[in-house]
Every structure is written in structure tokens, then in C-alpha cells.
């Protein structure tokens, strides 16, 4: 998805390829996975929402909200995956908060991050 966003800057990106990648990495229970539709994770979900926003594709609010509920910790932080018990640290908490803000308003754009 990062590569497709980069191609967008050169006007060589194919929106169909983005749509296909989002479908391929979508996890039925919420969020997106790095490989196919396996275990969803915070970074892959962030990248997927950012890509969808960049290309003007709709993000299913309830799908994203389900994932966010599964990674929110009791301490108010965010885990990297639904299988983690506690916060994934400052970066996970930052990505989680950004996605939470995005959930409350479609007019708030996610910051473009390249961290993987």
C-alpha cells in the first residue's frame, strides 16, 4: 500500500490495484493484516485507512471501530494486535489515537507516515 501511495504522486497508481490490495488484506472481524487476511495489526490497519483516504475510497466505519475496540487497552493505550494484553508502546498508542480521531471525523486526515 505504501508503494501504491508513492505511485499516486507520479500519477501512475491504479485505483483498482489499491482496491484489490485493501480487499486482500481486510480481516473479516475488523482491521487489516500485513499478509492476506490473517491476524490484523495496528500498522497494517493504519496503512490501509491512509491508502483508502489517499485514493478517495470509502472506509467502513464499523469495520475499523471493531478493530479499534479489540486493540484498545484498559490503560487507554493501544496494542499492536488483538492478541496483546497491554500497550504496544508510544508508537502504537500514537497510531491508535490517530485512528480514533479519524473514526470520529472523516474530515481529519491521517498523517502520512513511513515507518516500515
C-alpha atoms as a PDB file:
ATOM      1  CA  UNK A   1       0.000   0.000   0.000  1.00  0.00           C
ATOM      2  CA  UNK A   2       2.908   2.349   0.652  1.00  0.00           C
ATOM      3  CA  UNK A   3       4.206   1.705  -2.867  1.00  0.00           C
ATOM      4  CA  UNK A   4       0.792   2.462  -4.361  1.00  0.00           C
ATOM      5  CA  UNK A   5       0.602   5.706  -2.376  1.00  0.00           C
ATOM      6  CA  UNK A   6       4.050   6.638  -3.696  1.00  0.00           C
ATOM      7  CA  UNK A   7       2.938   5.930  -7.262  1.00  0.00           C
ATOM      8  CA  UNK A   8      -0.022   8.239  -6.686  1.00  0.00           C
ATOM      9  CA  UNK A   9       2.438  11.137  -6.605  1.00  0.00           C
ATOM     10  CA  UNK A  10       3.582  10.225 -10.115  1.00  0.00           C
ATOM     11  CA  UNK A  11       0.035   9.713 -11.438  1.00  0.00           C
ATOM     12  CA  UNK A  12       0.916   6.082 -12.207  1.00  0.00           C
ATOM     13  CA  UNK A  13      -1.135   4.483  -9.456  1.00  0.00           C
ATOM     14  CA  UNK A  14      -4.025   2.258 -10.397  1.00  0.00           C
ATOM     15  CA  UNK A  15      -7.017   2.714  -8.087  1.00  0.00           C
ATOM     16  CA  UNK A  16      -8.088  -0.827  -8.968  1.00  0.00           C
ATOM     17  CA  UNK A  17      -4.812  -2.161  -7.571  1.00  0.00           C
ATOM     18  CA  UNK A  18      -5.410  -0.232  -4.357  1.00  0.00           C
ATOM     19  CA  UNK A  19      -8.950  -1.568  -4.093  1.00  0.00           C
ATOM     20  CA  UNK A  20      -7.683  -5.136  -4.684  1.00  0.00           C
ATOM     21  CA  UNK A  21      -4.939  -4.761  -2.056  1.00  0.00           C
ATOM     22  CA  UNK A  22      -7.442  -3.475   0.508  1.00  0.00           C
ATOM     23  CA  UNK A  23      -9.762  -6.413  -0.137  1.00  0.00           C
ATOM     24  CA  UNK A  24      -6.862  -8.880   0.018  1.00  0.00           C
ATOM     25  CA  UNK A  25      -5.610  -7.583   3.385  1.00  0.00           C
ATOM     26  CA  UNK A  26      -9.001  -6.964   5.003  1.00  0.00           C
ATOM     27  CA  UNK A  27      -9.752  -9.132   8.038  1.00  0.00           C
ATOM     28  CA  UNK A  28     -13.394 -10.086   8.411  1.00  0.00           C
ATOM     29  CA  UNK A  29     -13.548  -9.329  12.158  1.00  0.00           C
ATOM     30  CA  UNK A  30     -12.063  -5.846  11.763  1.00  0.00           C
ATOM     31  CA  UNK A  31      -8.826  -4.233  10.688  1.00  0.00           C
ATOM     32  CA  UNK A  32      -6.243  -5.209   8.102  1.00  0.00           C
ATOM     33  CA  UNK A  33      -3.361  -7.676   8.123  1.00  0.00           C
ATOM     34  CA  UNK A  34       0.117  -7.449   6.655  1.00  0.00           C
ATOM     35  CA  UNK A  35      -0.333 -10.734   4.781  1.00  0.00           C
ATOM     36  CA  UNK A  36      -3.635 -11.799   3.279  1.00  0.00           C
ATOM     37  CA  UNK A  37      -6.455 -11.739   5.806  1.00  0.00           C
ATOM     38  CA  UNK A  38      -4.590 -13.219   8.766  1.00  0.00           C
ATOM     39  CA  UNK A  39      -4.149 -11.502  12.137  1.00  0.00           C
ATOM     40  CA  UNK A  40      -4.973  -7.782  11.917  1.00  0.00           C
ATOM     41  CA  UNK A  41      -2.419  -5.336  13.275  1.00  0.00           C
ATOM     42  CA  UNK A  42      -2.343  -1.648  14.052  1.00  0.00           C
ATOM     43  CA  UNK A  43       0.293  -0.638  11.494  1.00  0.00           C
ATOM     44  CA  UNK A  44      -1.354  -2.503   8.598  1.00  0.00           C
ATOM     45  CA  UNK A  45      -4.721  -1.040   9.535  1.00  0.00           C
ATOM     46  CA  UNK A  46      -3.259   2.463   9.688  1.00  0.00           C
ATOM     47  CA  UNK A  47      -1.637   1.980   6.259  1.00  0.00           C
ATOM     48  CA  UNK A  48      -4.890   0.634   4.798  1.00  0.00           C
ATOM     49  CA  UNK A  49      -7.006   3.543   6.064  1.00  0.00           C
ATOM     50  CA  UNK A  50      -4.374   6.028   4.898  1.00  0.00           C
ATOM     51  CA  UNK A  51      -4.290   4.421   1.431  1.00  0.00           C
ATOM     52  CA  UNK A  52      -8.087   4.391   1.190  1.00  0.00           C
ATOM     53  CA  UNK A  53      -8.230   8.058   2.181  1.00  0.00           C
ATOM     54  CA  UNK A  54      -5.445   8.979  -0.253  1.00  0.00           C
ATOM     55  CA  UNK A  55      -7.341   7.414  -3.157  1.00  0.00           C
ATOM     56  CA  UNK A  56     -10.772   8.607  -2.071  1.00  0.00           C
ATOM     57  CA  UNK A  57     -12.021   5.105  -1.280  1.00  0.00           C
ATOM     58  CA  UNK A  58     -14.592   4.567   1.436  1.00  0.00           C
ATOM     59  CA  UNK A  59     -13.537   3.098   4.773  1.00  0.00           C
ATOM     60  CA  UNK A  60     -16.151   1.024   6.568  1.00  0.00           C
ATOM     61  CA  UNK A  61     -16.533   2.806   9.893  1.00  0.00           C
ATOM     62  CA  UNK A  62     -17.891  -0.176  11.823  1.00  0.00           C
ATOM     63  CA  UNK A  63     -15.155  -2.467  10.462  1.00  0.00           C
ATOM     64  CA  UNK A  64     -12.498  -0.043  11.714  1.00  0.00           C
ATOM     65  CA  UNK A  65     -14.328   0.550  15.010  1.00  0.00           C
ATOM     66  CA  UNK A  66     -14.436  -3.215  15.730  1.00  0.00           C
ATOM     67  CA  UNK A  67     -10.699  -3.446  15.272  1.00  0.00           C
ATOM     68  CA  UNK A  68     -10.046  -0.392  17.420  1.00  0.00           C
ATOM     69  CA  UNK A  69     -12.127  -1.859  20.253  1.00  0.00           C
ATOM     70  CA  UNK A  70     -10.073  -5.050  20.045  1.00  0.00           C
ATOM     71  CA  UNK A  71      -6.704  -3.276  20.418  1.00  0.00           C
ATOM     72  CA  UNK A  72      -7.659  -0.607  22.966  1.00  0.00           C
ATOM     73  CA  UNK A  73      -6.146  -1.437  26.356  1.00  0.00           C
ATOM     74  CA  UNK A  74      -7.589  -0.923  29.831  1.00  0.00           C
ATOM     75  CA  UNK A  75      -4.935   1.723  30.465  1.00  0.00           C
ATOM     76  CA  UNK A  76      -6.133   3.800  27.496  1.00  0.00           C
ATOM     77  CA  UNK A  77      -3.299   2.787  25.178  1.00  0.00           C
ATOM     78  CA  UNK A  78      -3.298   0.529  22.146  1.00  0.00           C
ATOM     79  CA  UNK A  79      -1.872  -2.920  21.491  1.00  0.00           C
ATOM     80  CA  UNK A  80      -0.311  -3.840  18.144  1.00  0.00           C
ATOM     81  CA  UNK A  81      -2.695  -6.793  17.706  1.00  0.00           C
ATOM     82  CA  UNK A  82      -5.860  -8.048  19.406  1.00  0.00           C
ATOM     83  CA  UNK A  83      -3.778 -10.845  20.980  1.00  0.00           C
ATOM     84  CA  UNK A  84      -1.625  -8.473  23.051  1.00  0.00           C
ATOM     85  CA  UNK A  85      -2.698  -7.677  26.597  1.00  0.00           C
ATOM     86  CA  UNK A  86      -1.036  -4.300  27.130  1.00  0.00           C
ATOM     87  CA  UNK A  87       0.032  -1.226  25.236  1.00  0.00           C
ATOM     88  CA  UNK A  88       2.436  -1.692  22.354  1.00  0.00           C
ATOM     89  CA  UNK A  89       4.282   1.433  23.489  1.00  0.00           C
ATOM     90  CA  UNK A  90       4.357   5.071  22.399  1.00  0.00           C
ATOM     91  CA  UNK A  91       4.225   4.384  18.646  1.00  0.00           C
ATOM     92  CA  UNK A  92       1.256   2.014  18.947  1.00  0.00           C
ATOM     93  CA  UNK A  93      -0.512   4.491  21.216  1.00  0.00           C
ATOM     94  CA  UNK A  94       0.110   7.301  18.712  1.00  0.00           C
ATOM     95  CA  UNK A  95      -1.199   5.285  15.736  1.00  0.00           C
ATOM     96  CA  UNK A  96      -4.210   4.167  17.749  1.00  0.00           C
ATOM     97  CA  UNK A  97      -5.058   7.711  18.785  1.00  0.00           C
ATOM     98  CA  UNK A  98      -4.737   8.944  15.209  1.00  0.00           C
ATOM     99  CA  UNK A  99      -7.097   6.202  14.004  1.00  0.00           C
ATOM    100  CA  UNK A 100      -9.530   7.051  16.812  1.00  0.00           C
ATOM    101  CA  UNK A 101      -9.542  10.692  15.694  1.00  0.00           C
ATOM    102  CA  UNK A 102     -10.093   9.539  12.098  1.00  0.00           C
ATOM    103  CA  UNK A 103     -13.070   7.466  13.261  1.00  0.00           C
ATOM    104  CA  UNK A 104     -14.770  10.479  14.790  1.00  0.00           C
ATOM    105  CA  UNK A 105     -14.359  12.723  11.755  1.00  0.00           C
ATOM    106  CA  UNK A 106     -13.809  11.903   8.111  1.00  0.00           C
ATOM    107  CA  UNK A 107     -12.529  15.443   7.670  1.00  0.00           C
ATOM    108  CA  UNK A 108      -9.430  14.699   9.740  1.00  0.00           C
ATOM    109  CA  UNK A 109      -6.654  13.313   7.553  1.00  0.00           C
ATOM    110  CA  UNK A 110      -4.222  10.765   8.911  1.00  0.00           C
ATOM    111  CA  UNK A 111      -0.615  11.935   8.887  1.00  0.00           C
ATOM    112  CA  UNK A 112       1.451  10.243   6.209  1.00  0.00           C
ATOM    113  CA  UNK A 113       3.975   8.033   7.975  1.00  0.00           C
ATOM    114  CA  UNK A 114       6.601   5.728   6.543  1.00  0.00           C
ATOM    115  CA  UNK A 115       7.773   3.542   9.389  1.00  0.00           C
ATOM    116  CA  UNK A 116       8.080   0.070   7.975  1.00  0.00           C
END
